[in-house]
Amino acid sequence: MAASVEAVQDGRIYIERINAPFLFKLKGSGSEFGAGLKHAIERGWLQLHESGTYVKLMPSSEDLLARK
């Protein structure tokens, strides 16, 4: 989902840009979102900023983007 969001300055993807569609369009829960975010960070697909306000796609996620 993060790969489909247009990044802003310095490749930042604000967390609400992926959280809101997940919760309201896909009808996911907050705990599911948290688990998915944690999984993507552990896999090296995303980097969460220490403030928790945005993520960045990591270079290893290029293969993920190619599968879009």
C-alpha atoms as a PDB file:
ATOM      1  CA  MET A   1       0.000   0.000   0.000  1.00  0.00           C
ATOM      2  CA  ALA A   2       2.848   2.401   0.803  1.00  0.00           C
ATOM      3  CA  ALA A   3       4.309   1.810  -2.649  1.00  0.00           C
ATOM      4  CA  SER A   4       1.115   3.189  -4.201  1.00  0.00           C
ATOM      5  CA  VAL A   5       1.265   6.480  -2.267  1.00  0.00           C
ATOM      6  CA  GLU A   6       3.115   9.422  -3.762  1.00  0.00           C
ATOM      7  CA  ALA A   7       6.018  10.355  -1.529  1.00  0.00           C
ATOM      8  CA  VAL A   8       6.631  13.950  -0.521  1.00  0.00           C
ATOM      9  CA  GLN A   9       9.869  15.698   0.373  1.00  0.00           C
ATOM     10  CA  ASP A  10      12.823  13.354   0.749  1.00  0.00           C
ATOM     11  CA  GLY A  11      10.773  10.228  -0.018  1.00  0.00           C
ATOM     12  CA  ARG A  12       8.530  10.612   3.038  1.00  0.00           C
ATOM     13  CA  ILE A  13       5.176   8.864   3.073  1.00  0.00           C
ATOM     14  CA  TYR A  14       3.055  10.232   5.886  1.00  0.00           C
ATOM     15  CA  ILE A  15       1.639   7.413   7.969  1.00  0.00           C
ATOM     16  CA  GLU A  16      -1.946   8.679   7.669  1.00  0.00           C
ATOM     17  CA  ARG A  17      -1.687   8.336   3.880  1.00  0.00           C
ATOM     18  CA  ILE A  18      -1.480   4.564   4.314  1.00  0.00           C
ATOM     19  CA  ASN A  19      -3.342   4.207   7.614  1.00  0.00           C
ATOM     20  CA  ALA A  20      -6.633   5.829   6.543  1.00  0.00           C
ATOM     21  CA  PRO A  21      -7.122   3.772   3.344  1.00  0.00           C
ATOM     22  CA  PHE A  22      -6.224   0.603   5.229  1.00  0.00           C
ATOM     23  CA  LEU A  23      -8.750   1.285   7.967  1.00  0.00           C
ATOM     24  CA  PHE A  24     -11.597   2.754   5.934  1.00  0.00           C
ATOM     25  CA  LYS A  25     -11.328   1.324   2.413  1.00  0.00           C
ATOM     26  CA  LEU A  26      -9.978  -2.117   3.273  1.00  0.00           C
ATOM     27  CA  LYS A  27     -11.821  -2.254   6.617  1.00  0.00           C
ATOM     28  CA  GLY A  28      -8.707  -3.394   8.439  1.00  0.00           C
ATOM     29  CA  SER A  29      -8.241  -2.959  12.175  1.00  0.00           C
ATOM     30  CA  GLY A  30      -5.667  -0.865  13.970  1.00  0.00           C
ATOM     31  CA  SER A  31      -3.925  -3.964  15.279  1.00  0.00           C
ATOM     32  CA  GLU A  32      -3.746  -5.413  11.743  1.00  0.00           C
ATOM     33  CA  PHE A  33      -2.251  -2.154  10.478  1.00  0.00           C
ATOM     34  CA  GLY A  34       0.313  -2.211  13.284  1.00  0.00           C
ATOM     35  CA  ALA A  35       1.215  -5.828  12.568  1.00  0.00           C
ATOM     36  CA  GLY A  36       1.574  -5.132   8.844  1.00  0.00           C
ATOM     37  CA  LEU A  37       3.720  -2.074   9.474  1.00  0.00           C
ATOM     38  CA  LYS A  38       5.924  -4.024  11.888  1.00  0.00           C
ATOM     39  CA  HIS A  39       6.282  -6.837   9.338  1.00  0.00           C
ATOM     40  CA  ALA A  40       7.241  -4.413   6.535  1.00  0.00           C
ATOM     41  CA  ILE A  41       9.855  -2.789   8.786  1.00  0.00           C
ATOM     42  CA  GLU A  42      11.287  -6.167   9.841  1.00  0.00           C
ATOM     43  CA  ARG A  43      11.503  -7.242   6.184  1.00  0.00           C
ATOM     44  CA  GLY A  44      13.364  -4.031   5.309  1.00  0.00           C
ATOM     45  CA  TRP A  45      10.619  -2.741   3.007  1.00  0.00           C
ATOM     46  CA  LEU A  46       9.896   0.349   5.092  1.00  0.00           C
ATOM     47  CA  GLN A  47      11.772   2.553   7.528  1.00  0.00           C
ATOM     48  CA  LEU A  48       9.679   4.218  10.221  1.00  0.00           C
ATOM     49  CA  HIS A  49      10.882   7.631  11.360  1.00  0.00           C
ATOM     50  CA  GLU A  50      11.487   7.883  15.103  1.00  0.00           C
ATOM     51  CA  SER A  51       8.608  10.371  15.371  1.00  0.00           C
ATOM     52  CA  GLY A  52       6.224   7.763  13.932  1.00  0.00           C
ATOM     53  CA  THR A  53       4.760  10.312  11.523  1.00  0.00           C
ATOM     54  CA  TYR A  54       6.149   8.932   8.290  1.00  0.00           C
ATOM     55  CA  VAL A  55       7.807   5.973   6.608  1.00  0.00           C
ATOM     56  CA  LYS A  56      10.203   5.660   3.696  1.00  0.00           C
ATOM     57  CA  LEU A  57      10.386   2.886   1.150  1.00  0.00           C
ATOM     58  CA  MET A  58      13.750   1.191   1.410  1.00  0.00           C
ATOM     59  CA  PRO A  59      15.890   0.250  -1.596  1.00  0.00           C
ATOM     60  CA  SER A  60      15.260  -3.456  -0.995  1.00  0.00           C
ATOM     61  CA  SER A  61      11.593  -2.718  -1.722  1.00  0.00           C
ATOM     62  CA  GLU A  62      12.376  -2.129  -5.409  1.00  0.00           C
ATOM     63  CA  ASP A  63      11.492  -5.752  -6.201  1.00  0.00           C
ATOM     64  CA  LEU A  64       8.171  -5.254  -4.418  1.00  0.00           C
ATOM     65  CA  LEU A  65       7.464  -2.196  -6.569  1.00  0.00           C
ATOM     66  CA  ALA A  66       8.251  -4.112  -9.767  1.00  0.00           C
ATOM     67  CA  ARG A  67       5.503  -6.607  -8.912  1.00  0.00           C
ATOM     68  CA  LYS A  68       2.840  -3.881  -8.841  1.00  0.00           C
END
